[in-house]
Amino acid sequence: MERSDILRAGAMIVVFAVFIATLSSIHRRPAERPVSDAPSVSASDDLSAELRRCRALGPKDAEDPHCQAVWEENRARFFGGPARPLLPQAAPATPPTMNVIQGEK
């Protein structure tokens, strides 16, 4: 073997050793928790419960002003807008079709 071949093999071994050392140091380092810029959601936030309630209404939620406000708040939070408190919900009105089925007017 010539001298240049020995130096080339030595350089390859050094590069390989540095690569292995780097991988092992990365593997030993504890995982970092991702830092979120979003504000933390408190347990009293009932937006998700309201969204589920409005989704259960189906097509009727488009007519419900409270559901419209809930969906608007959800869009604002999704696009990074500030969180606003929701208006208190009134008792849901009984649809007129239910009264007809029950024999009431």
Protein backbone atom coordinates (compact mmCIF):
# COMPACT_ATOMS: atom_id res chain seq x y z
CA MET A 1 0.00 0.00 0.00
CA GLU A 2 1.15 3.44 -0.78
CA ARG A 3 1.36 6.23 1.76
CA SER A 4 -1.59 8.16 0.24
CA ASP A 5 -3.84 5.08 0.53
CA ILE A 6 -2.96 4.74 4.23
CA LEU A 7 -3.72 8.43 4.86
CA ARG A 8 -7.01 8.17 2.94
CA ALA A 9 -8.05 5.10 4.98
CA GLY A 10 -7.06 6.88 8.20
CA ALA A 11 -9.10 9.96 7.25
CA MET A 12 -12.12 7.76 6.50
CA ILE A 13 -11.79 6.06 9.89
CA VAL A 14 -11.58 9.45 11.66
CA VAL A 15 -14.66 10.76 9.81
CA PHE A 16 -16.55 7.56 10.65
CA ALA A 17 -15.54 7.82 14.33
CA VAL A 18 -16.69 11.47 14.50
CA PHE A 19 -19.99 10.48 12.88
CA ILE A 20 -20.58 7.68 15.43
CA ALA A 21 -19.64 9.97 18.34
CA THR A 22 -22.07 12.62 17.11
CA LEU A 23 -24.90 10.10 16.80
CA SER A 24 -24.29 8.71 20.26
CA SER A 25 -24.25 12.18 21.84
CA ILE A 26 -27.51 13.08 20.11
CA HIS A 27 -29.07 9.83 21.28
CA ARG A 28 -28.06 10.42 24.93
CA ARG A 29 -29.44 13.96 25.05
CA PRO A 30 -32.92 14.14 26.67
CA ALA A 31 -35.79 14.95 24.33
CA GLU A 32 -36.77 18.61 24.38
CA ARG A 33 -40.38 19.50 24.83
CA PRO A 34 -41.72 21.69 22.03
CA VAL A 35 -42.44 25.23 23.11
CA SER A 36 -45.87 26.40 22.03
CA ASP A 37 -46.68 30.04 21.44
CA ALA A 38 -50.38 29.30 21.81
CA PRO A 39 -51.96 30.24 25.12
CA SER A 40 -52.70 27.34 27.41
CA VAL A 41 -56.32 26.26 27.48
CA SER A 42 -57.88 26.25 30.91
CA ALA A 43 -60.14 23.52 32.17
CA SER A 44 -63.05 25.99 32.34
CA ASP A 45 -62.90 26.53 28.58
CA ASP A 46 -66.11 25.02 27.29
CA LEU A 47 -65.62 25.84 23.61
CA SER A 48 -65.12 22.21 22.63
CA ALA A 49 -68.28 21.18 24.50
CA GLU A 50 -70.22 23.92 22.74
CA LEU A 51 -68.80 22.86 19.38
CA ARG A 52 -69.94 19.29 20.02
CA ARG A 53 -73.40 20.51 20.99
CA CYS A 54 -73.70 22.65 17.87
CA ARG A 55 -72.40 19.85 15.67
CA ALA A 56 -75.09 17.57 17.11
CA LEU A 57 -77.75 20.06 15.98
CA GLY A 58 -76.79 19.38 12.38
CA PRO A 59 -78.15 21.85 9.81
CA LYS A 60 -80.09 23.68 12.51
CA ASP A 61 -76.84 25.11 13.95
CA ALA A 62 -76.62 27.52 11.01
CA GLU A 63 -79.78 29.20 12.32
CA ASP A 64 -78.74 29.25 15.98
CA PRO A 65 -77.07 32.59 16.87
CA HIS A 66 -75.17 31.03 19.80
CA CYS A 67 -73.72 28.34 17.53
CA GLN A 68 -72.74 30.99 14.99
CA ALA A 69 -70.83 32.80 17.75
CA VAL A 70 -69.20 29.53 18.85
CA TRP A 71 -68.06 28.69 15.30
CA GLU A 72 -66.76 32.26 14.85
CA GLU A 73 -64.76 31.95 18.08
CA ASN A 74 -63.38 28.61 16.93
CA ARG A 75 -62.25 30.17 13.63
CA ALA A 76 -60.66 33.10 15.47
CA ARG A 77 -58.70 30.78 17.75
CA PHE A 78 -57.65 28.57 14.84
CA PHE A 79 -56.25 31.52 12.89
CA GLY A 80 -54.43 32.88 15.95
CA GLY A 81 -56.90 35.47 17.14
CA PRO A 82 -57.24 36.25 20.82
CA ALA A 83 -59.58 34.07 22.86
CA ARG A 84 -62.79 35.80 23.86
CA PRO A 85 -65.22 34.58 26.50
CA LEU A 86 -68.34 32.98 25.10
CA LEU A 87 -71.76 34.41 25.79
CA PRO A 88 -73.83 32.39 28.23
CA GLN A 89 -76.10 30.01 26.41
CA ALA A 90 -79.84 30.25 26.67
CA ALA A 91 -81.92 27.11 26.94
CA PRO A 92 -82.37 25.59 23.47
CA ALA A 93 -85.73 26.32 21.95
CA THR A 94 -87.98 23.40 21.14
CA PRO A 95 -88.35 23.11 17.37
CA PRO A 96 -91.93 23.68 16.15
CA THR A 97 -92.02 20.21 14.59
CA MET A 98 -91.76 18.62 18.05
CA ASN A 99 -94.91 20.45 19.19
CA VAL A 100 -96.87 19.21 16.18
CA ILE A 101 -95.77 15.64 16.82
CA GLN A 102 -96.86 15.87 20.46
CA GLY A 103 -100.25 17.30 19.49
CA GLU A 104 -99.62 20.81 20.88
CA LYS A 105 -99.75 24.11 19.03
